[in-house]
Each structure stands twice: as structure tokens, then as C-alpha cells.
Amino acid sequence: GGWVSRLRVSIPTSLGQTLDDFIETDAAINPGN
């Protein structure tokens, strides 16, 4: 569980590109999620 930290977030990938409209949360996310 956690909270919504930001909305409509753009984040860069390792390829130097950008993804848009993400929800940022502090809910713990781990490999497999």
C-alpha cells in the first residue's frame, strides 16, 4: 500500500526516450510486480 505521489508523469527510459502519463506511487514495487 501507499499513496499517489505524482500524476501525468513523464519518465525517460534507458534508450533516451520518454514515456508519458504515468502514475507515481510510493507503494513498494519489486521485480515480479
PDB file of all heavy atoms in Angstrom:
ATOM      1  N   GLY A   1       0.812  -1.209   0.000  1.00  0.00           N
ATOM      2  CA  GLY A   1       0.000   0.000   0.000  1.00  0.00           C
ATOM      3  C   GLY A   1       0.845   1.257   0.000  1.00  0.00           C
ATOM      4  O   GLY A   1       2.006   1.253   0.416  1.00  0.00           O
ATOM      5  N   GLY A   2       0.257   2.352  -0.485  1.00  0.00           N
ATOM      6  CA  GLY A   2       0.951   3.635  -0.490  1.00  0.00           C
ATOM      7  C   GLY A   2       0.034   4.732  -0.972  1.00  0.00           C
ATOM      8  O   GLY A   2      -1.189   4.618  -0.891  1.00  0.00           O
ATOM      9  N   TRP A   3       0.629   5.791  -1.455  1.00  0.00           N
ATOM     10  CA  TRP A   3      -0.114   6.952  -1.902  1.00  0.00           C
ATOM     11  C   TRP A   3       0.259   7.309  -3.338  1.00  0.00           C
ATOM     12  O   TRP A   3       1.330   6.944  -3.820  1.00  0.00           O
ATOM     13  CB  TRP A   3       0.189   8.159  -1.008  1.00  0.00           C
ATOM     14  CG  TRP A   3      -0.390   8.059   0.356  1.00  0.00           C
ATOM     15  CD1 TRP A   3      -1.587   8.550   0.796  1.00  0.00           C
ATOM     16  CD2 TRP A   3       0.211   7.438   1.500  1.00  0.00           C
ATOM     17  NE1 TRP A   3      -1.784   8.268   2.120  1.00  0.00           N
ATOM     18  CE2 TRP A   3      -0.692   7.580   2.584  1.00  0.00           C
ATOM     19  CE3 TRP A   3       1.412   6.750   1.712  1.00  0.00           C
ATOM     20  CZ2 TRP A   3      -0.424   7.083   3.854  1.00  0.00           C
ATOM     21  CZ3 TRP A   3       1.676   6.251   2.977  1.00  0.00           C
ATOM     22  CH2 TRP A   3       0.771   6.415   4.028  1.00  0.00           C
ATOM     23  N   VAL A   4      -0.609   8.039  -3.979  1.00  0.00           N
ATOM     24  CA  VAL A   4      -0.271   8.643  -5.264  1.00  0.00           C
ATOM     25  C   VAL A   4       0.658   9.818  -4.982  1.00  0.00           C
ATOM     26  O   VAL A   4       0.295  10.743  -4.245  1.00  0.00           O
ATOM     27  CB  VAL A   4      -1.532   9.129  -6.007  1.00  0.00           C
ATOM     28  CG1 VAL A   4      -1.146   9.897  -7.263  1.00  0.00           C
ATOM     29  CG2 VAL A   4      -2.436   7.950  -6.351  1.00  0.00           C
ATOM     30  N   SER A   5       1.848   9.772  -5.554  1.00  0.00           N
ATOM     31  CA  SER A   5       2.837  10.821  -5.310  1.00  0.00           C
ATOM     32  C   SER A   5       2.792  11.925  -6.354  1.00  0.00           C
ATOM     33  O   SER A   5       2.948  13.109  -6.038  1.00  0.00           O
ATOM     34  CB  SER A   5       4.248  10.215  -5.292  1.00  0.00           C
ATOM     35  OG  SER A   5       4.334   9.166  -4.362  1.00  0.00           O
ATOM     36  N   ARG A   6       2.616  11.531  -7.623  1.00  0.00           N
ATOM     37  CA  ARG A   6       2.511  12.493  -8.735  1.00  0.00           C
ATOM     38  C   ARG A   6       1.612  11.892  -9.799  1.00  0.00           C
ATOM     39  O   ARG A   6       1.430  10.682  -9.866  1.00  0.00           O
ATOM     40  CB  ARG A   6       3.881  12.794  -9.351  1.00  0.00           C
ATOM     41  CG  ARG A   6       4.751  13.721  -8.566  1.00  0.00           C
ATOM     42  CD  ARG A   6       5.930  14.216  -9.416  1.00  0.00           C
ATOM     43  NE  ARG A   6       6.799  13.126  -9.849  1.00  0.00           N
ATOM     44  CZ  ARG A   6       7.674  13.223 -10.842  1.00  0.00           C
ATOM     45  NH1 ARG A   6       7.768  14.348 -11.558  1.00  0.00           N
ATOM     46  NH2 ARG A   6       8.447  12.202 -11.166  1.00  0.00           N
ATOM     47  N   LEU A   7       1.098  12.751 -10.663  1.00  0.00           N
ATOM     48  CA  LEU A   7       0.251  12.325 -11.770  1.00  0.00           C
ATOM     49  C   LEU A   7       0.779  12.885 -13.079  1.00  0.00           C
ATOM     50  O   LEU A   7       1.504  13.879 -13.096  1.00  0.00           O
ATOM     51  CB  LEU A   7      -1.195  12.789 -11.557  1.00  0.00           C
ATOM     52  CG  LEU A   7      -1.932  12.167 -10.366  1.00  0.00           C
ATOM     53  CD1 LEU A   7      -3.206  12.931 -10.072  1.00  0.00           C
ATOM     54  CD2 LEU A   7      -2.233  10.694 -10.628  1.00  0.00           C
ATOM     55  N   ARG A   8       0.404  12.211 -14.185  1.00  0.00           N
ATOM     56  CA  ARG A   8       0.807  12.643 -15.529  1.00  0.00           C
ATOM     57  C   ARG A   8       2.321  12.841 -15.608  1.00  0.00           C
ATOM     58  O   ARG A   8       2.819  13.843 -16.112  1.00  0.00           O
ATOM     59  CB  ARG A   8       0.048  13.901 -15.951  1.00  0.00           C
ATOM     60  CG  ARG A   8      -1.434  13.638 -16.158  1.00  0.00           C
ATOM     61  CD  ARG A   8      -2.209  14.902 -16.433  1.00  0.00           C
ATOM     62  NE  ARG A   8      -2.330  15.708 -15.223  1.00  0.00           N
ATOM     63  CZ  ARG A   8      -3.226  15.500 -14.273  1.00  0.00           C
ATOM     64  NH1 ARG A   8      -4.084  14.516 -14.377  1.00  0.00           N
ATOM     65  NH2 ARG A   8      -3.273  16.273 -13.213  1.00  0.00           N
ATOM     66  N   VAL A   9       3.042  11.846 -15.117  1.00  0.00           N
ATOM     67  CA  VAL A   9       4.500  11.901 -15.063  1.00  0.00           C
ATOM     68  C   VAL A   9       5.088  11.414 -16.382  1.00  0.00           C
ATOM     69  O   VAL A   9       4.622  10.433 -16.968  1.00  0.00           O
ATOM     70  CB  VAL A   9       5.023  11.028 -13.905  1.00  0.00           C
ATOM     71  CG1 VAL A   9       6.556  11.045 -13.863  1.00  0.00           C
ATOM     72  CG2 VAL A   9       4.445  11.508 -12.583  1.00  0.00           C
ATOM     73  N   SER A  10       6.122  12.091 -16.848  1.00  0.00           N
ATOM     74  CA  SER A  10       6.922  11.620 -17.981  1.00  0.00           C
ATOM     75  C   SER A  10       8.249  11.120 -17.435  1.00  0.00           C
ATOM     76  O   SER A  10       8.885  11.802 -16.629  1.00  0.00           O
ATOM     77  CB  SER A  10       7.167  12.759 -18.983  1.00  0.00           C
ATOM     78  OG  SER A  10       5.951  13.211 -19.532  1.00  0.00           O
ATOM     79  N   ILE A  11       8.651   9.912 -17.853  1.00  0.00           N
ATOM     80  CA  ILE A  11       9.906   9.359 -17.356  1.00  0.00           C
ATOM     81  C   ILE A  11      10.758   8.894 -18.526  1.00  0.00           C
ATOM     82  O   ILE A  11      10.255   8.341 -19.495  1.00  0.00           O
ATOM     83  CB  ILE A  11       9.679   8.200 -16.370  1.00  0.00           C
ATOM     84  CG1 ILE A  11       8.827   7.098 -17.004  1.00  0.00           C
ATOM     85  CG2 ILE A  11       9.035   8.690 -15.091  1.00  0.00           C
ATOM     86  CD1 ILE A  11       8.647   5.891 -16.119  1.00  0.00           C
ATOM     87  N   PRO A  12      12.084   9.135 -18.466  1.00  0.00           N
ATOM     88  CA  PRO A  12      12.975   8.684 -19.539  1.00  0.00           C
ATOM     89  C   PRO A  12      13.300   7.208 -19.375  1.00  0.00           C
ATOM     90  O   PRO A  12      13.385   6.687 -18.264  1.00  0.00           O
ATOM     91  CB  PRO A  12      14.222   9.551 -19.339  1.00  0.00           C
ATOM     92  CG  PRO A  12      14.236   9.831 -17.871  1.00  0.00           C
ATOM     93  CD  PRO A  12      12.789   9.907 -17.436  1.00  0.00           C
ATOM     94  N   THR A  13      13.493   6.517 -20.489  1.00  0.00           N
ATOM     95  CA  THR A  13      13.961   5.142 -20.450  1.00  0.00           C
ATOM     96  C   THR A  13      15.457   5.120 -20.695  1.00  0.00           C
ATOM     97  O   THR A  13      16.075   6.135 -21.012  1.00  0.00           O
ATOM     98  CB  THR A  13      13.267   4.288 -21.530  1.00  0.00           C
ATOM     99  OG1 THR A  13      13.786   4.657 -22.812  1.00  0.00           O
ATOM    100  CG2 THR A  13      11.768   4.487 -21.498  1.00  0.00           C
ATOM    101  N   SER A  14      16.040   3.943 -20.556  1.00  0.00           N
ATOM    102  CA  SER A  14      17.478   3.803 -20.791  1.00  0.00           C
ATOM    103  C   SER A  14      17.835   4.019 -22.255  1.00  0.00           C
ATOM    104  O   SER A  14      19.007   4.147 -22.595  1.00  0.00           O
ATOM    105  CB  SER A  14      17.946   2.408 -20.346  1.00  0.00           C
ATOM    106  OG  SER A  14      17.241   1.406 -21.050  1.00  0.00           O
ATOM    107  N   LEU A  15      16.822   4.049 -23.142  1.00  0.00           N
ATOM    108  CA  LEU A  15      17.063   4.278 -24.566  1.00  0.00           C
ATOM    109  C   LEU A  15      17.077   5.760 -24.918  1.00  0.00           C
ATOM    110  O   LEU A  15      17.153   6.123 -26.079  1.00  0.00           O
ATOM    111  CB  LEU A  15      15.987   3.567 -25.393  1.00  0.00           C
ATOM    112  CG  LEU A  15      15.889   2.054 -25.199  1.00  0.00           C
ATOM    113  CD1 LEU A  15      14.719   1.503 -26.002  1.00  0.00           C
ATOM    114  CD2 LEU A  15      17.176   1.384 -25.595  1.00  0.00           C
ATOM    115  N   GLY A  16      16.950   6.635 -23.900  1.00  0.00           N
ATOM    116  CA  GLY A  16      16.935   8.059 -24.163  1.00  0.00           C
ATOM    117  C   GLY A  16      15.594   8.551 -24.656  1.00  0.00           C
ATOM    118  O   GLY A  16      15.502   9.639 -25.203  1.00  0.00           O
ATOM    119  N   GLN A  17      14.540   7.760 -24.477  1.00  0.00           N
ATOM    120  CA  GLN A  17      13.211   8.133 -24.913  1.00  0.00           C
ATOM    121  C   GLN A  17      12.350   8.459 -23.703  1.00  0.00           C
ATOM    122  O   GLN A  17      12.783   8.328 -22.567  1.00  0.00           O
ATOM    123  CB  GLN A  17      12.612   7.015 -25.757  1.00  0.00           C
ATOM    124  CG  GLN A  17      13.440   6.746 -27.004  1.00  0.00           C
ATOM    125  CD  GLN A  17      13.146   5.402 -27.630  1.00  0.00           C
ATOM    126  OE1 GLN A  17      12.650   4.493 -26.971  1.00  0.00           O
ATOM    127  NE2 GLN A  17      13.445   5.263 -28.906  1.00  0.00           N
ATOM    128  N   THR A  18      11.110   8.890 -23.944  1.00  0.00           N
ATOM    129  CA  THR A  18      10.264   9.361 -22.870  1.00  0.00           C
ATOM    130  C   THR A  18       8.894   8.703 -22.940  1.00  0.00           C
ATOM    131  O   THR A  18       8.314   8.576 -24.006  1.00  0.00           O
ATOM    132  CB  THR A  18      10.105  10.894 -22.948  1.00  0.00           C
ATOM    133  OG1 THR A  18      11.394  11.504 -22.877  1.00  0.00           O
ATOM    134  CG2 THR A  18       9.258  11.405 -21.788  1.00  0.00           C
ATOM    135  N   LEU A  19       8.391   8.292 -21.770  1.00  0.00           N
ATOM    136  CA  LEU A  19       7.055   7.740 -21.641  1.00  0.00           C
ATOM    137  C   LEU A  19       6.207   8.725 -20.855  1.00  0.00           C
ATOM    138  O   LEU A  19       6.691   9.351 -19.920  1.00  0.00           O
ATOM    139  CB  LEU A  19       7.106   6.394 -20.929  1.00  0.00           C
ATOM    140  CG  LEU A  19       8.052   5.358 -21.531  1.00  0.00           C
ATOM    141  CD1 LEU A  19       8.127   4.132 -20.646  1.00  0.00           C
ATOM    142  CD2 LEU A  19       7.586   4.985 -22.918  1.00  0.00           C
ATOM    143  N   ASP A  20       4.917   8.819 -21.214  1.00  0.00           N
ATOM    144  CA  ASP A  20       4.078   9.862 -20.649  1.00  0.00           C
ATOM    145  C   ASP A  20       2.889   9.299 -19.889  1.00  0.00           C
ATOM    146  O   ASP A  20       2.498   8.154 -20.064  1.00  0.00           O
ATOM    147  CB  ASP A  20       3.578  10.786 -21.764  1.00  0.00           C
ATOM    148  CG  ASP A  20       4.704  11.581 -22.392  1.00  0.00           C
ATOM    149  OD1 ASP A  20       5.193  12.511 -21.739  1.00  0.00           O
ATOM    150  OD2 ASP A  20       5.105  11.251 -23.522  1.00  0.00           O
ATOM    151  N   ASP A  21       2.290  10.169 -19.075  1.00  0.00           N
ATOM    152  CA  ASP A  21       1.052   9.917 -18.338  1.00  0.00           C
ATOM    153  C   ASP A  21       1.166   8.718 -17.418  1.00  0.00           C
ATOM    154  O   ASP A  21       0.303   7.840 -17.388  1.00  0.00           O
ATOM    155  CB  ASP A  21      -0.130   9.766 -19.298  1.00  0.00           C
ATOM    156  CG  ASP A  21      -1.463  10.042 -18.600  1.00  0.00           C
ATOM    157  OD1 ASP A  21      -1.447  10.715 -17.555  1.00  0.00           O
ATOM    158  OD2 ASP A  21      -2.496   9.556 -19.080  1.00  0.00           O
ATOM    159  N   PHE A  22       2.236   8.693 -16.626  1.00  0.00           N
ATOM    160  CA  PHE A  22       2.403   7.671 -15.618  1.00  0.00           C
ATOM    161  C   PHE A  22       1.899   8.171 -14.269  1.00  0.00           C
ATOM    162  O   PHE A  22       1.874   9.370 -14.002  1.00  0.00           O
ATOM    163  CB  PHE A  22       3.874   7.277 -15.476  1.00  0.00           C
ATOM    164  CG  PHE A  22       4.283   6.168 -16.398  1.00  0.00           C
ATOM    165  CD1 PHE A  22       4.315   6.363 -17.768  1.00  0.00           C
ATOM    166  CD2 PHE A  22       4.632   4.928 -15.906  1.00  0.00           C
ATOM    167  CE1 PHE A  22       4.685   5.345 -18.619  1.00  0.00           C
ATOM    168  CE2 PHE A  22       5.003   3.897 -16.749  1.00  0.00           C
ATOM    169  CZ  PHE A  22       5.028   4.107 -18.106  1.00  0.00           C
ATOM    170  N   ILE A  23       1.505   7.218 -13.448  1.00  0.00           N
ATOM    171  CA  ILE A  23       1.147   7.492 -12.056  1.00  0.00           C
ATOM    172  C   ILE A  23       2.348   7.126 -11.201  1.00  0.00           C
ATOM    173  O   ILE A  23       2.838   5.994 -11.263  1.00  0.00           O
ATOM    174  CB  ILE A  23      -0.068   6.647 -11.629  1.00  0.00           C
ATOM    175  CG1 ILE A  23      -1.265   6.921 -12.538  1.00  0.00           C
ATOM    176  CG2 ILE A  23      -0.412   6.913 -10.166  1.00  0.00           C
ATOM    177  CD1 ILE A  23      -2.342   5.852 -12.450  1.00  0.00           C
ATOM    178  N   GLU A  24       2.837   8.074 -10.420  1.00  0.00           N
ATOM    179  CA  GLU A  24       3.936   7.771  -9.494  1.00  0.00           C
ATOM    180  C   GLU A  24       3.349   7.444  -8.129  1.00  0.00           C
ATOM    181  O   GLU A  24       2.459   8.131  -7.640  1.00  0.00           O
ATOM    182  CB  GLU A  24       4.887   8.959  -9.387  1.00  0.00           C
ATOM    183  CG  GLU A  24       6.087   8.678  -8.477  1.00  0.00           C
ATOM    184  CD  GLU A  24       7.001   9.870  -8.335  1.00  0.00           C
ATOM    185  OE1 GLU A  24       7.565  10.305  -9.362  1.00  0.00           O
ATOM    186  OE2 GLU A  24       7.134  10.384  -7.209  1.00  0.00           O
ATOM    187  N   THR A  25       3.859   6.377  -7.518  1.00  0.00           N
ATOM    188  CA  THR A  25       3.393   5.963  -6.203  1.00  0.00           C
ATOM    189  C   THR A  25       4.565   5.546  -5.328  1.00  0.00           C
ATOM    190  O   THR A  25       5.603   5.116  -5.840  1.00  0.00           O
ATOM    191  CB  THR A  25       2.389   4.800  -6.317  1.00  0.00           C
ATOM    192  OG1 THR A  25       2.005   4.379  -5.002  1.00  0.00           O
ATOM    193  CG2 THR A  25       2.989   3.620  -7.056  1.00  0.00           C
ATOM    194  N   ASP A  26       4.384   5.683  -4.015  1.00  0.00           N
ATOM    195  CA  ASP A  26       5.417   5.189  -3.107  1.00  0.00           C
ATOM    196  C   ASP A  26       5.090   3.786  -2.608  1.00  0.00           C
ATOM    197  O   ASP A  26       5.803   3.243  -1.771  1.00  0.00           O
ATOM    198  CB  ASP A  26       5.621   6.148  -1.935  1.00  0.00           C
ATOM    199  CG  ASP A  26       4.408   6.213  -1.011  1.00  0.00           C
ATOM    200  OD1 ASP A  26       3.324   5.738  -1.406  1.00  0.00           O
ATOM    201  OD2 ASP A  26       4.550   6.760   0.099  1.00  0.00           O
ATOM    202  N   ALA A  27       4.011   3.179  -3.132  1.00  0.00           N
ATOM    203  CA  ALA A  27       3.751   1.771  -2.827  1.00  0.00           C
ATOM    204  C   ALA A  27       4.928   0.934  -3.324  1.00  0.00           C
ATOM    205  O   ALA A  27       5.380   1.103  -4.455  1.00  0.00           O
ATOM    206  CB  ALA A  27       2.449   1.311  -3.487  1.00  0.00           C
ATOM    207  N   ALA A  28       5.432   0.054  -2.488  1.00  0.00           N
ATOM    208  CA  ALA A  28       6.631  -0.704  -2.835  1.00  0.00           C
ATOM    209  C   ALA A  28       6.394  -1.580  -4.062  1.00  0.00           C
ATOM    210  O   ALA A  28       5.468  -2.382  -4.092  1.00  0.00           O
ATOM    211  CB  ALA A  28       7.054  -1.570  -1.653  1.00  0.00           C
ATOM    212  N   ILE A  29       7.226  -1.398  -5.074  1.00  0.00           N
ATOM    213  CA  ILE A  29       7.151  -2.179  -6.315  1.00  0.00           C
ATOM    214  C   ILE A  29       8.461  -2.938  -6.467  1.00  0.00           C
ATOM    215  O   ILE A  29       9.543  -2.347  -6.378  1.00  0.00           O
ATOM    216  CB  ILE A  29       6.895  -1.262  -7.524  1.00  0.00           C
ATOM    217  CG1 ILE A  29       5.502  -0.625  -7.412  1.00  0.00           C
ATOM    218  CG2 ILE A  29       7.036  -2.015  -8.833  1.00  0.00           C
ATOM    219  CD1 ILE A  29       5.221   0.424  -8.445  1.00  0.00           C
ATOM    220  N   ASN A  30       8.347  -4.222  -6.694  1.00  0.00           N
ATOM    221  CA  ASN A  30       9.530  -5.076  -6.781  1.00  0.00           C
ATOM    222  C   ASN A  30       9.501  -5.891  -8.063  1.00  0.00           C
ATOM    223  O   ASN A  30       8.463  -5.987  -8.734  1.00  0.00           O
ATOM    224  CB  ASN A  30       9.571  -6.023  -5.572  1.00  0.00           C
ATOM    225  CG  ASN A  30       9.779  -5.287  -4.265  1.00  0.00           C
ATOM    226  OD1 ASN A  30      10.840  -4.726  -4.029  1.00  0.00           O
ATOM    227  ND2 ASN A  30       8.755  -5.275  -3.430  1.00  0.00           N
ATOM    228  N   PRO A  31      10.651  -6.486  -8.442  1.00  0.00           N
ATOM    229  CA  PRO A  31      10.644  -7.385  -9.597  1.00  0.00           C
ATOM    230  C   PRO A  31       9.549  -8.444  -9.447  1.00  0.00           C
ATOM    231  O   PRO A  31       9.393  -9.045  -8.391  1.00  0.00           O
ATOM    232  CB  PRO A  31      12.039  -8.007  -9.552  1.00  0.00           C
ATOM    233  CG  PRO A  31      12.887  -6.974  -8.875  1.00  0.00           C
ATOM    234  CD  PRO A  31      11.994  -6.332  -7.855  1.00  0.00           C
ATOM    235  N   GLY A  32       8.797  -8.657 -10.506  1.00  0.00           N
ATOM    236  CA  GLY A  32       7.661  -9.562 -10.465  1.00  0.00           C
ATOM    237  C   GLY A  32       6.331  -8.838 -10.425  1.00  0.00           C
ATOM    238  O   GLY A  32       5.294  -9.401 -10.759  1.00  0.00           O
ATOM    239  N   ASN A  33       6.331  -7.562 -10.006  1.00  0.00           N
ATOM    240  CA  ASN A  33       5.096  -6.776  -9.960  1.00  0.00           C
ATOM    241  C   ASN A  33       4.630  -6.312 -11.342  1.00  0.00           C
ATOM    242  O   ASN A  33       3.465  -5.931 -11.508  1.00  0.00           O
ATOM    243  CB  ASN A  33       5.266  -5.536  -9.079  1.00  0.00           C
ATOM    244  CG  ASN A  33       5.018  -5.814  -7.607  1.00  0.00           C
ATOM    245  OD1 ASN A  33       5.939  -5.810  -6.801  1.00  0.00           O
ATOM    246  ND2 ASN A  33       3.765  -6.073  -7.257  1.00  0.00           N
TER     247      ASN A  33
END
